[in-house]
Amino acid sequence: MTSTIISSFELLVKPIAPPSAPINRRAIQAYFLLISNLNDASEPTVTLSLKFTANGMPLATDKLVTVFDFGFGNNFGTLNPDGTTEDYSLPSGFTGLFLLQPKNLDMNAPDLEIRGVAEILLLPTSEADSAKLLLSPQQRGTFLPVKPETTDFDQQAYTLPTPDGKYLFELSK
């Protein structure tokens, strides 16, 4: 199975300033990936998996959670020891949203800072022999106040670059 690099990613649960700073918020940042199956409606369902590596090693930690939804409810999971997600089936013409985020979002959670690379694989078990996918990788973050009585919070979201600057990926078995 050959994987294709989608983008880099960064996961955070960390203060953005020292505790003594006048404004201090905690950043919680996750990786989002919109996946649109552009295969013709007559084509069979695509089965794919995502793979995450950090520092050249498969990202395998119990500190993260995955979520995938293509319109029929959230499918929660974790990463496998080899850094891959569970298998996801996406019918032709459907768009799914994948999310990789820190599991412990409590204000007293230990700091977490992970950077790496996200890849996609068309699995041998896929009914479709090829897939034309529109992939939109994003980082989304929330800045929460460290002091609960403060209502100062904010959000950010930005699209991540892909290796060749294109968002149309054509995969085959």
Protein backbone atom coordinates (compact mmCIF):
# COMPACT_ATOMS: atom_id res chain seq x y z
CA MET A 1 0.00 0.00 0.00
CA THR A 2 1.40 3.34 -1.03
CA SER A 3 0.40 6.40 0.90
CA THR A 4 0.24 9.96 -0.39
CA ILE A 5 1.26 12.96 1.70
CA ILE A 6 -1.60 15.41 2.30
CA SER A 7 -0.11 18.07 4.58
CA SER A 8 1.65 18.78 7.82
CA PHE A 9 -0.29 19.09 11.09
CA GLU A 10 0.09 20.50 14.58
CA LEU A 11 -1.85 19.44 17.68
CA LEU A 12 -1.70 21.59 20.80
CA VAL A 13 -2.99 21.90 24.33
CA LYS A 14 -0.71 24.57 25.72
CA PRO A 15 -0.65 28.06 27.27
CA ILE A 16 0.32 30.76 24.78
CA ALA A 17 2.15 32.91 27.34
CA PRO A 18 3.84 32.56 30.74
CA PRO A 19 1.48 32.51 33.75
CA SER A 20 2.61 36.02 34.74
CA ALA A 21 1.50 37.57 31.42
CA PRO A 22 -1.42 40.05 31.62
CA ILE A 23 -3.37 38.08 29.01
CA ASN A 24 -2.92 34.36 29.17
CA ARG A 25 -4.94 31.84 27.23
CA ARG A 26 -4.62 28.13 26.58
CA ALA A 27 -4.51 27.02 22.95
CA ILE A 28 -6.32 23.86 21.91
CA GLN A 29 -5.58 23.04 18.28
CA ALA A 30 -6.76 20.14 16.10
CA TYR A 31 -6.32 18.84 12.55
CA PHE A 32 -9.40 18.78 10.30
CA LEU A 33 -9.65 17.19 6.87
CA LEU A 34 -12.62 17.56 4.52
CA ILE A 35 -12.70 14.61 2.09
CA SER A 36 -14.97 14.82 -0.97
CA ASN A 37 -15.32 11.69 -3.10
CA LEU A 38 -15.61 13.10 -6.64
CA ASN A 39 -15.97 9.70 -8.31
CA ASP A 40 -19.01 9.36 -10.56
CA ALA A 41 -22.16 8.31 -8.70
CA SER A 42 -22.10 4.96 -10.52
CA GLU A 43 -18.65 4.16 -9.09
CA PRO A 44 -18.32 1.90 -6.03
CA THR A 45 -17.58 3.13 -2.51
CA VAL A 46 -14.03 4.20 -1.67
CA THR A 47 -12.37 2.73 1.44
CA LEU A 48 -9.48 4.72 2.77
CA SER A 49 -7.31 5.24 5.82
CA LEU A 50 -5.21 8.13 7.06
CA LYS A 51 -1.72 7.82 8.47
CA PHE A 52 0.03 10.21 10.86
CA THR A 53 3.74 10.41 11.58
CA ALA A 54 5.60 12.67 14.00
CA ASN A 55 9.38 12.98 14.12
CA GLY A 56 9.66 10.24 11.49
CA MET A 57 7.79 7.71 13.66
CA PRO A 58 4.16 6.50 13.48
CA LEU A 59 2.01 8.67 15.71
CA ALA A 60 0.55 6.27 18.26
CA THR A 61 -0.69 7.74 21.49
CA ASP A 62 -3.67 7.39 23.76
CA LYS A 63 -3.68 11.20 24.15
CA LEU A 64 -5.56 11.73 20.86
CA VAL A 65 -9.01 10.97 19.51
CA THR A 66 -10.26 10.68 15.92
CA VAL A 67 -13.72 11.52 14.60
CA PHE A 68 -15.10 10.84 11.10
CA ASP A 69 -18.54 11.83 9.86
CA PHE A 70 -20.01 11.82 6.35
CA GLY A 71 -23.57 12.68 7.31
CA PHE A 72 -24.63 9.69 9.37
CA GLY A 73 -23.23 10.60 12.79
CA ASN A 74 -19.82 10.86 14.38
CA ASN A 75 -17.60 7.79 14.29
CA PHE A 76 -15.15 8.10 17.22
CA GLY A 77 -11.85 6.20 17.27
CA THR A 78 -8.16 6.29 18.05
CA LEU A 79 -4.99 5.82 16.05
CA ASN A 80 -3.62 2.30 15.55
CA PRO A 81 -0.05 1.49 16.72
CA ASP A 82 1.21 2.07 13.15
CA GLY A 83 -0.22 5.62 13.15
CA THR A 84 -3.18 4.77 10.89
CA THR A 85 -6.84 5.41 11.50
CA GLU A 86 -9.52 2.78 11.21
CA ASP A 87 -10.86 2.19 7.69
CA TYR A 88 -13.37 4.75 6.43
CA SER A 89 -15.86 4.08 3.63
CA LEU A 90 -16.99 7.09 1.62
CA PRO A 91 -19.61 6.64 -1.11
CA SER A 92 -19.26 8.46 -4.43
CA GLY A 93 -20.58 12.01 -4.26
CA PHE A 94 -20.27 12.21 -0.45
CA THR A 95 -18.11 14.52 1.65
CA GLY A 96 -16.78 13.49 5.02
CA LEU A 97 -15.08 15.42 7.80
CA PHE A 98 -12.17 13.89 9.69
CA LEU A 99 -10.82 15.32 12.94
CA LEU A 100 -7.70 14.47 14.95
CA GLN A 101 -7.59 16.25 18.28
CA PRO A 102 -6.18 15.98 21.78
CA LYS A 103 -8.36 13.78 24.01
CA ASN A 104 -7.96 15.62 27.32
CA LEU A 105 -9.25 19.19 26.91
CA ASP A 106 -9.51 19.91 30.63
CA MET A 107 -7.93 23.18 31.72
CA ASN A 108 -5.60 21.24 34.03
CA ALA A 109 -4.53 18.75 31.35
CA PRO A 110 -0.78 18.44 30.82
CA ASP A 111 0.65 20.35 27.87
CA LEU A 112 0.62 18.55 24.54
CA GLU A 113 2.53 19.61 21.43
CA ILE A 114 2.75 17.29 18.39
CA ARG A 115 3.78 18.17 14.83
CA GLY A 116 4.02 15.84 11.89
CA VAL A 117 2.75 14.72 8.49
CA ALA A 118 -0.67 13.40 7.42
CA GLU A 119 -1.00 10.86 4.61
CA ILE A 120 -3.91 9.10 2.87
CA LEU A 121 -4.16 5.54 1.55
CA LEU A 122 -6.67 3.86 -0.77
CA LEU A 123 -7.01 0.44 0.84
CA PRO A 124 -6.83 -2.90 -1.01
CA THR A 125 -10.27 -3.69 0.45
CA SER A 126 -11.80 -0.69 -1.34
CA GLU A 127 -14.58 -1.57 -3.79
CA ALA A 128 -13.27 1.23 -6.03
CA ASP A 129 -9.92 0.66 -7.77
CA SER A 130 -9.27 4.39 -7.89
CA ALA A 131 -10.48 7.53 -6.19
CA LYS A 132 -10.71 11.16 -7.20
CA LEU A 133 -10.74 13.04 -3.89
CA LEU A 134 -10.90 16.72 -3.06
CA LEU A 135 -8.94 17.11 0.20
CA SER A 136 -9.07 20.29 2.30
CA PRO A 137 -6.65 20.05 5.26
CA GLN A 138 -7.14 22.61 8.02
CA GLN A 139 -5.87 23.60 11.43
CA ARG A 140 -8.52 24.87 13.81
CA GLY A 141 -7.80 26.20 17.24
CA THR A 142 -9.59 27.65 20.22
CA PHE A 143 -7.97 29.97 22.74
CA LEU A 144 -9.56 29.51 26.15
CA PRO A 145 -8.94 31.72 29.18
CA VAL A 146 -6.73 30.20 31.86
CA LYS A 147 -8.86 31.81 34.56
CA PRO A 148 -12.44 30.42 34.35
CA GLU A 149 -14.02 33.72 35.40
CA THR A 150 -12.57 35.38 32.27
CA THR A 151 -14.68 35.29 29.13
CA ASP A 152 -11.79 36.13 26.80
CA PHE A 153 -11.65 33.38 24.18
CA ASP A 154 -11.10 33.28 20.45
CA GLN A 155 -10.89 30.84 17.55
CA GLN A 156 -8.78 30.44 14.44
CA ALA A 157 -9.00 28.28 11.34
CA TYR A 158 -6.74 28.14 8.34
CA THR A 159 -6.19 25.89 5.35
CA LEU A 160 -2.90 24.02 5.19
CA PRO A 161 -0.79 23.78 2.04
CA THR A 162 -0.50 20.49 0.20
CA PRO A 163 2.79 19.24 -1.30
CA ASP A 164 2.06 20.46 -4.84
CA GLY A 165 -0.42 23.23 -4.00
CA LYS A 166 -3.36 21.27 -5.39
CA TYR A 167 -6.27 19.86 -3.43
CA LEU A 168 -7.41 17.25 -5.96
CA PHE A 169 -5.83 13.88 -5.16
CA GLU A 170 -6.11 10.87 -7.46
CA LEU A 171 -5.39 7.59 -5.73
CA SER A 172 -5.30 4.05 -7.06
CA LYS A 173 -4.70 0.58 -5.70
